[in-house]
Amino acid sequence: MKATIVKIDGKTIEYLAEGKNDIEAAKLSEWVTPQFVKLGEANITISDGVVTFCKMGFDVVSTAVKPKTMTEAMSKQAPKEDIVNISGKDFMTYEGLLKKAHEKDEDFSMEILETYVSEDMKKSWCKVRLTAKGRIFDGFGSSTPENTGTMTQTYPVEMAHTRAKGRALRDYLNIGMVMKEELNN
């Protein structure tokens, strides 16, 4: 969900979800690194009152004029599509994969099995397990300066997690199309 983080107290955040009027609190899961969570706009995933994913900022916001509010930021975003065409080739988006998994109308869960971050915070890898109706789908993702673009190089952990989850989702959904977030862009 899109939200604005308004307070951070150790491993607990307070946030205002888009479209809501009340500030809520949630604890950060063990794999959400507090040093990457900051005050401001974020995409967060909360399960049973625990933040399981946090990506600071919104994906597509005009840099010409910085929006002052979350609603203004959302209005400046380009509409998201499940499939994007880049240089004449189609790619699935992570958002589209997640939407399709939820549309499948069966319970599934994802957990991070392993994760690594280099001391210089430039390289990261992650292994994720998706479980649905007793079936297991593992995904592995990495992020290095060589396999990411300049926009994502400062967030190697988040990119590795997104790629790992996307690969597990692709296997679960039987989608062979490469995910946009796997590209070096």
Foldseek 3Di string as FASTA:
>chain_A
DKWFFDDDDPQKTWIGDPPDDDIDMAGEPPLPDPVQDDGTIWDFDDDPRYTDDIDPDDDDADPVDDDDDPVVRVVRDDDDDQWDADPNDIAGALVNLVVVVVVVPFDKDKDWDDKDADPVRQKMKTKMWMDTPNDIFIFIFMGHLVFAEPVCRNPGRNLNVSRGVSRSSCVVVVNPGHHPSRHHD
